[in-house]
Amino acid sequence: MVGRAWEVELGRRLRGLRVDRRLTQQELADRANVSLGAVKHLEQGAGATTGTLAKVLHALEQEGWIEALAPAPGDFSPLELLEQRRRAGKRGRTRTRVRHPRAAR
């Protein structure tokens, strides 16, 4: 499942959560502090911002979705990664001098 199909499935599941809680789209929009149109777009898979998704998930008490979608990465330092690559590059680059035999004269 990719792209549009994934968005539609996500919207379908969010709609199911809303209906299970017996909330109207307007009630969810009010709880999430987003517009009614934003909730409709999200449920239809017609595009929404990550901010809208986060607010709606919070209003539905489904913060666990975020962890399921993207588990928190370990500590990451781009500068440390750069330094590791620089050191690995130096170790991997050994200069070897190839001497060609001189042609007999």
N, C-alpha and C. Protein backbone atom coordinates (compact mmCIF):
# COMPACT_ATOMS: atom_id res chain seq x y z
N MET A 1 0.86 -1.17 0.00
CA MET A 1 0.00 0.00 0.00
C MET A 1 0.90 1.23 0.00
N VAL A 2 0.65 2.13 -0.93
CA VAL A 2 1.47 3.33 -1.02
C VAL A 2 0.61 4.56 -1.29
N GLY A 3 1.20 5.71 -1.01
CA GLY A 3 0.60 6.98 -1.38
C GLY A 3 -0.84 7.15 -0.99
N ARG A 4 -1.65 7.41 -1.98
CA ARG A 4 -3.06 7.73 -1.78
C ARG A 4 -3.81 6.62 -1.05
N ALA A 5 -3.54 5.38 -1.39
CA ALA A 5 -4.22 4.25 -0.73
C ALA A 5 -3.91 4.24 0.76
N TRP A 6 -2.69 4.56 1.11
CA TRP A 6 -2.30 4.59 2.52
C TRP A 6 -3.03 5.71 3.25
N GLU A 7 -3.15 6.87 2.62
CA GLU A 7 -3.88 8.00 3.22
C GLU A 7 -5.35 7.65 3.42
N VAL A 8 -5.95 6.98 2.46
CA VAL A 8 -7.36 6.59 2.56
C VAL A 8 -7.54 5.59 3.71
N GLU A 9 -6.64 4.63 3.82
CA GLU A 9 -6.72 3.65 4.90
C GLU A 9 -6.54 4.32 6.27
N LEU A 10 -5.62 5.23 6.36
CA LEU A 10 -5.41 5.97 7.60
C LEU A 10 -6.68 6.73 7.98
N GLY A 11 -7.28 7.40 7.01
CA GLY A 11 -8.53 8.13 7.25
C GLY A 11 -9.66 7.21 7.67
N ARG A 12 -9.74 6.06 7.04
CA ARG A 12 -10.79 5.08 7.38
C ARG A 12 -10.65 4.63 8.83
N ARG A 13 -9.42 4.39 9.25
CA ARG A 13 -9.19 3.94 10.63
C ARG A 13 -9.47 5.05 11.64
N LEU A 14 -9.10 6.28 11.29
CA LEU A 14 -9.41 7.40 12.18
C LEU A 14 -10.91 7.59 12.31
N ARG A 15 -11.62 7.46 11.18
CA ARG A 15 -13.08 7.57 11.21
C ARG A 15 -13.67 6.50 12.12
N GLY A 16 -13.14 5.29 12.04
CA GLY A 16 -13.61 4.20 12.89
C GLY A 16 -13.42 4.51 14.38
N LEU A 17 -12.28 5.10 14.72
CA LEU A 17 -12.04 5.49 16.11
C LEU A 17 -13.04 6.54 16.56
N ARG A 18 -13.30 7.51 15.69
CA ARG A 18 -14.25 8.58 16.02
C ARG A 18 -15.64 8.00 16.24
N VAL A 19 -16.08 7.14 15.33
CA VAL A 19 -17.42 6.54 15.42
C VAL A 19 -17.53 5.67 16.67
N ASP A 20 -16.47 4.90 16.99
CA ASP A 20 -16.47 4.08 18.20
C ASP A 20 -16.69 4.92 19.45
N ARG A 21 -16.21 6.14 19.41
CA ARG A 21 -16.37 7.05 20.56
C ARG A 21 -17.66 7.87 20.48
N ARG A 22 -18.44 7.56 19.47
CA ARG A 22 -19.74 8.23 19.25
C ARG A 22 -19.58 9.75 19.18
N LEU A 23 -18.58 10.16 18.42
CA LEU A 23 -18.34 11.59 18.20
C LEU A 23 -18.72 11.95 16.77
N THR A 24 -19.29 13.13 16.60
CA THR A 24 -19.50 13.64 15.25
C THR A 24 -18.18 14.24 14.77
N GLN A 25 -18.10 14.49 13.48
CA GLN A 25 -16.90 15.14 12.97
C GLN A 25 -16.73 16.51 13.62
N GLN A 26 -17.82 17.23 13.83
CA GLN A 26 -17.74 18.56 14.44
C GLN A 26 -17.24 18.47 15.88
N GLU A 27 -17.71 17.47 16.62
CA GLU A 27 -17.27 17.31 18.00
C GLU A 27 -15.77 16.98 18.06
N LEU A 28 -15.32 16.14 17.15
CA LEU A 28 -13.89 15.82 17.09
C LEU A 28 -13.09 17.05 16.72
N ALA A 29 -13.58 17.81 15.74
CA ALA A 29 -12.89 19.03 15.34
C ALA A 29 -12.77 19.99 16.53
N ASP A 30 -13.84 20.13 17.30
CA ASP A 30 -13.81 21.02 18.46
C ASP A 30 -12.81 20.53 19.50
N ARG A 31 -12.82 19.24 19.78
CA ARG A 31 -11.88 18.67 20.77
C ARG A 31 -10.44 18.80 20.32
N ALA A 32 -10.22 18.65 19.01
CA ALA A 32 -8.86 18.70 18.47
C ALA A 32 -8.41 20.13 18.15
N ASN A 33 -9.35 21.08 18.23
CA ASN A 33 -9.07 22.48 17.90
C ASN A 33 -8.58 22.62 16.45
N VAL A 34 -9.31 21.92 15.56
CA VAL A 34 -9.06 22.04 14.12
C VAL A 34 -10.41 22.30 13.45
N SER A 35 -10.38 22.66 12.20
CA SER A 35 -11.63 22.94 11.49
C SER A 35 -12.35 21.64 11.13
N LEU A 36 -13.64 21.77 10.92
CA LEU A 36 -14.43 20.63 10.46
C LEU A 36 -13.89 20.12 9.13
N GLY A 37 -13.54 21.03 8.25
CA GLY A 37 -12.98 20.63 6.95
C GLY A 37 -11.70 19.82 7.09
N ALA A 38 -10.87 20.16 8.09
CA ALA A 38 -9.62 19.42 8.30
C ALA A 38 -9.92 17.98 8.70
N VAL A 39 -10.92 17.79 9.56
CA VAL A 39 -11.30 16.43 9.96
C VAL A 39 -11.85 15.67 8.76
N LYS A 40 -12.70 16.32 7.98
CA LYS A 40 -13.26 15.66 6.79
C LYS A 40 -12.15 15.25 5.83
N HIS A 41 -11.22 16.14 5.56
CA HIS A 41 -10.11 15.82 4.66
C HIS A 41 -9.29 14.65 5.20
N LEU A 42 -9.02 14.69 6.50
CA LEU A 42 -8.23 13.62 7.11
C LEU A 42 -8.93 12.27 6.96
N GLU A 43 -10.23 12.25 7.25
CA GLU A 43 -10.97 10.99 7.16
C GLU A 43 -11.14 10.50 5.73
N GLN A 44 -11.16 11.40 4.78
CA GLN A 44 -11.31 11.01 3.37
C GLN A 44 -9.97 10.64 2.74
N GLY A 45 -8.89 10.87 3.46
CA GLY A 45 -7.57 10.63 2.89
C GLY A 45 -7.24 11.65 1.84
N ALA A 46 -7.85 12.85 1.98
CA ALA A 46 -7.68 13.89 0.97
C ALA A 46 -6.59 14.87 1.33
N GLY A 47 -5.74 14.50 2.24
CA GLY A 47 -4.64 15.36 2.61
C GLY A 47 -4.90 16.09 3.91
N ALA A 48 -3.91 16.15 4.73
CA ALA A 48 -3.97 16.85 6.00
C ALA A 48 -2.54 17.10 6.45
N THR A 49 -2.39 18.04 7.34
CA THR A 49 -1.05 18.32 7.85
C THR A 49 -0.71 17.35 8.97
N THR A 50 0.56 17.23 9.26
CA THR A 50 0.95 16.39 10.40
C THR A 50 0.44 17.01 11.70
N GLY A 51 0.32 18.33 11.73
CA GLY A 51 -0.23 18.99 12.91
C GLY A 51 -1.67 18.57 13.15
N THR A 52 -2.47 18.54 12.09
CA THR A 52 -3.87 18.10 12.21
C THR A 52 -3.93 16.66 12.68
N LEU A 53 -3.12 15.80 12.08
CA LEU A 53 -3.10 14.40 12.47
C LEU A 53 -2.75 14.26 13.95
N ALA A 54 -1.74 14.98 14.41
CA ALA A 54 -1.33 14.91 15.82
C ALA A 54 -2.44 15.39 16.74
N LYS A 55 -3.10 16.49 16.39
CA LYS A 55 -4.18 17.02 17.23
C LYS A 55 -5.36 16.06 17.29
N VAL A 56 -5.71 15.47 16.17
CA VAL A 56 -6.83 14.53 16.13
C VAL A 56 -6.49 13.27 16.93
N LEU A 57 -5.28 12.76 16.77
CA LEU A 57 -4.88 11.59 17.54
C LEU A 57 -4.93 11.88 19.04
N HIS A 58 -4.49 13.06 19.43
CA HIS A 58 -4.54 13.45 20.84
C HIS A 58 -5.98 13.53 21.32
N ALA A 59 -6.85 14.14 20.53
CA ALA A 59 -8.27 14.27 20.90
C ALA A 59 -8.94 12.91 21.02
N LEU A 60 -8.48 11.94 20.25
CA LEU A 60 -9.02 10.57 20.30
C LEU A 60 -8.30 9.71 21.34
N GLU A 61 -7.37 10.33 22.07
CA GLU A 61 -6.56 9.63 23.08
C GLU A 61 -5.79 8.47 22.46
N GLN A 62 -5.20 8.74 21.31
CA GLN A 62 -4.48 7.70 20.57
C GLN A 62 -3.03 8.10 20.32
N GLU A 63 -2.39 8.69 21.32
CA GLU A 63 -0.99 9.09 21.14
C GLU A 63 -0.08 7.91 20.83
N GLY A 64 -0.51 6.70 21.22
CA GLY A 64 0.28 5.51 20.94
C GLY A 64 0.48 5.26 19.46
N TRP A 65 -0.40 5.84 18.62
CA TRP A 65 -0.25 5.69 17.17
C TRP A 65 1.08 6.24 16.71
N ILE A 66 1.50 7.33 17.30
CA ILE A 66 2.75 7.96 16.87
C ILE A 66 3.91 7.00 17.10
N GLU A 67 3.92 6.35 18.25
CA GLU A 67 4.97 5.38 18.55
C GLU A 67 4.91 4.20 17.59
N ALA A 68 3.70 3.78 17.23
CA ALA A 68 3.55 2.66 16.30
C ALA A 68 4.00 3.05 14.89
N LEU A 69 3.71 4.29 14.49
CA LEU A 69 4.09 4.74 13.15
C LEU A 69 5.59 4.95 13.02
N ALA A 70 6.18 5.52 14.05
CA ALA A 70 7.60 5.84 13.98
C ALA A 70 8.21 5.73 15.36
N PRO A 71 8.71 4.56 15.72
CA PRO A 71 9.36 4.41 17.03
C PRO A 71 10.48 5.43 17.19
N ALA A 72 10.64 5.90 18.39
CA ALA A 72 11.66 6.92 18.66
C ALA A 72 13.05 6.36 18.34
N PRO A 73 13.83 7.11 17.60
CA PRO A 73 15.19 6.65 17.29
C PRO A 73 16.08 6.83 18.52
N GLY A 74 17.20 6.15 18.50
CA GLY A 74 18.18 6.36 19.57
C GLY A 74 18.81 7.73 19.41
N ASP A 75 19.69 8.05 20.30
CA ASP A 75 20.37 9.34 20.19
C ASP A 75 21.11 9.39 18.87
N PHE A 76 20.99 10.51 18.20
CA PHE A 76 21.62 10.66 16.89
C PHE A 76 22.27 12.02 16.81
N SER A 77 23.50 12.04 16.45
CA SER A 77 24.22 13.28 16.26
C SER A 77 24.79 13.30 14.85
N PRO A 78 24.30 14.21 14.01
CA PRO A 78 24.84 14.27 12.65
C PRO A 78 26.34 14.56 12.63
N LEU A 79 26.81 15.35 13.58
CA LEU A 79 28.24 15.66 13.62
C LEU A 79 29.05 14.42 13.99
N GLU A 80 28.52 13.63 14.90
CA GLU A 80 29.21 12.39 15.28
C GLU A 80 29.26 11.43 14.10
N LEU A 81 28.17 11.33 13.35
CA LEU A 81 28.13 10.48 12.17
C LEU A 81 29.16 10.94 11.14
N LEU A 82 29.25 12.23 10.93
CA LEU A 82 30.22 12.79 10.00
C LEU A 82 31.64 12.45 10.42
N GLU A 83 31.91 12.58 11.71
CA GLU A 83 33.24 12.26 12.23
C GLU A 83 33.55 10.78 12.05
N GLN A 84 32.57 9.91 12.29
CA GLN A 84 32.78 8.48 12.11
C GLN A 84 33.09 8.16 10.65
N ARG A 85 32.37 8.79 9.76
CA ARG A 85 32.61 8.56 8.33
C ARG A 85 33.99 9.08 7.91
N ARG A 86 34.37 10.22 8.48
CA ARG A 86 35.68 10.79 8.16
C ARG A 86 36.78 9.83 8.61
N ARG A 87 36.65 9.31 9.85
CA ARG A 87 37.66 8.38 10.36
C ARG A 87 37.68 7.09 9.55
N ALA A 88 36.51 6.58 9.18
CA ALA A 88 36.45 5.35 8.40
C ALA A 88 37.08 5.56 7.03
N GLY A 89 36.86 6.74 6.47
CA GLY A 89 37.44 7.05 5.17
C GLY A 89 38.95 7.07 5.22
N LYS A 90 39.50 7.60 6.30
CA LYS A 90 40.96 7.66 6.43
C LYS A 90 41.54 6.26 6.59
N ARG A 91 40.84 5.41 7.34
CA ARG A 91 41.33 4.04 7.52
C ARG A 91 41.24 3.26 6.22
N GLY A 92 40.21 3.53 5.45
CA GLY A 92 40.01 2.80 4.21
C GLY A 92 40.93 3.25 3.09
N ARG A 93 41.44 4.46 3.22
CA ARG A 93 42.30 4.99 2.15
C ARG A 93 43.76 4.80 2.52
N THR A 94 44.31 3.73 2.10
CA THR A 94 45.75 3.55 2.31
C THR A 94 46.42 3.79 0.98
N ARG A 95 47.41 4.57 1.04
CA ARG A 95 48.12 4.87 -0.20
C ARG A 95 49.16 3.79 -0.45
N THR A 96 49.05 3.20 -1.56
CA THR A 96 50.05 2.20 -1.94
C THR A 96 50.69 2.70 -3.22
N ARG A 97 51.94 2.68 -3.20
CA ARG A 97 52.68 3.16 -4.35
C ARG A 97 53.06 1.96 -5.20
N VAL A 98 52.62 2.02 -6.41
CA VAL A 98 52.94 0.94 -7.34
C VAL A 98 54.12 1.39 -8.17
N ARG A 99 55.17 0.61 -8.10
CA ARG A 99 56.35 0.96 -8.89
C ARG A 99 56.38 0.09 -10.13
N HIS A 100 56.45 0.77 -11.22
CA HIS A 100 56.53 0.05 -12.48
C HIS A 100 57.98 -0.18 -12.82
N PRO A 101 58.28 -1.39 -13.24
CA PRO A 101 59.68 -1.65 -13.62
C PRO A 101 60.05 -0.80 -14.82
N ARG A 102 61.23 -0.29 -14.75
CA ARG A 102 61.69 0.55 -15.86
C ARG A 102 61.99 -0.34 -17.06
N ALA A 103 61.67 0.19 -18.16
CA ALA A 103 61.92 -0.56 -19.40
C ALA A 103 63.43 -0.73 -19.57
N ALA A 104 63.84 -1.91 -20.01
CA ALA A 104 65.27 -2.17 -20.21
C ALA A 104 65.76 -1.31 -21.34
N ARG A 105 66.93 -0.75 -21.14
CA ARG A 105 67.50 0.11 -22.18
C ARG A 105 68.65 -0.54 -22.83
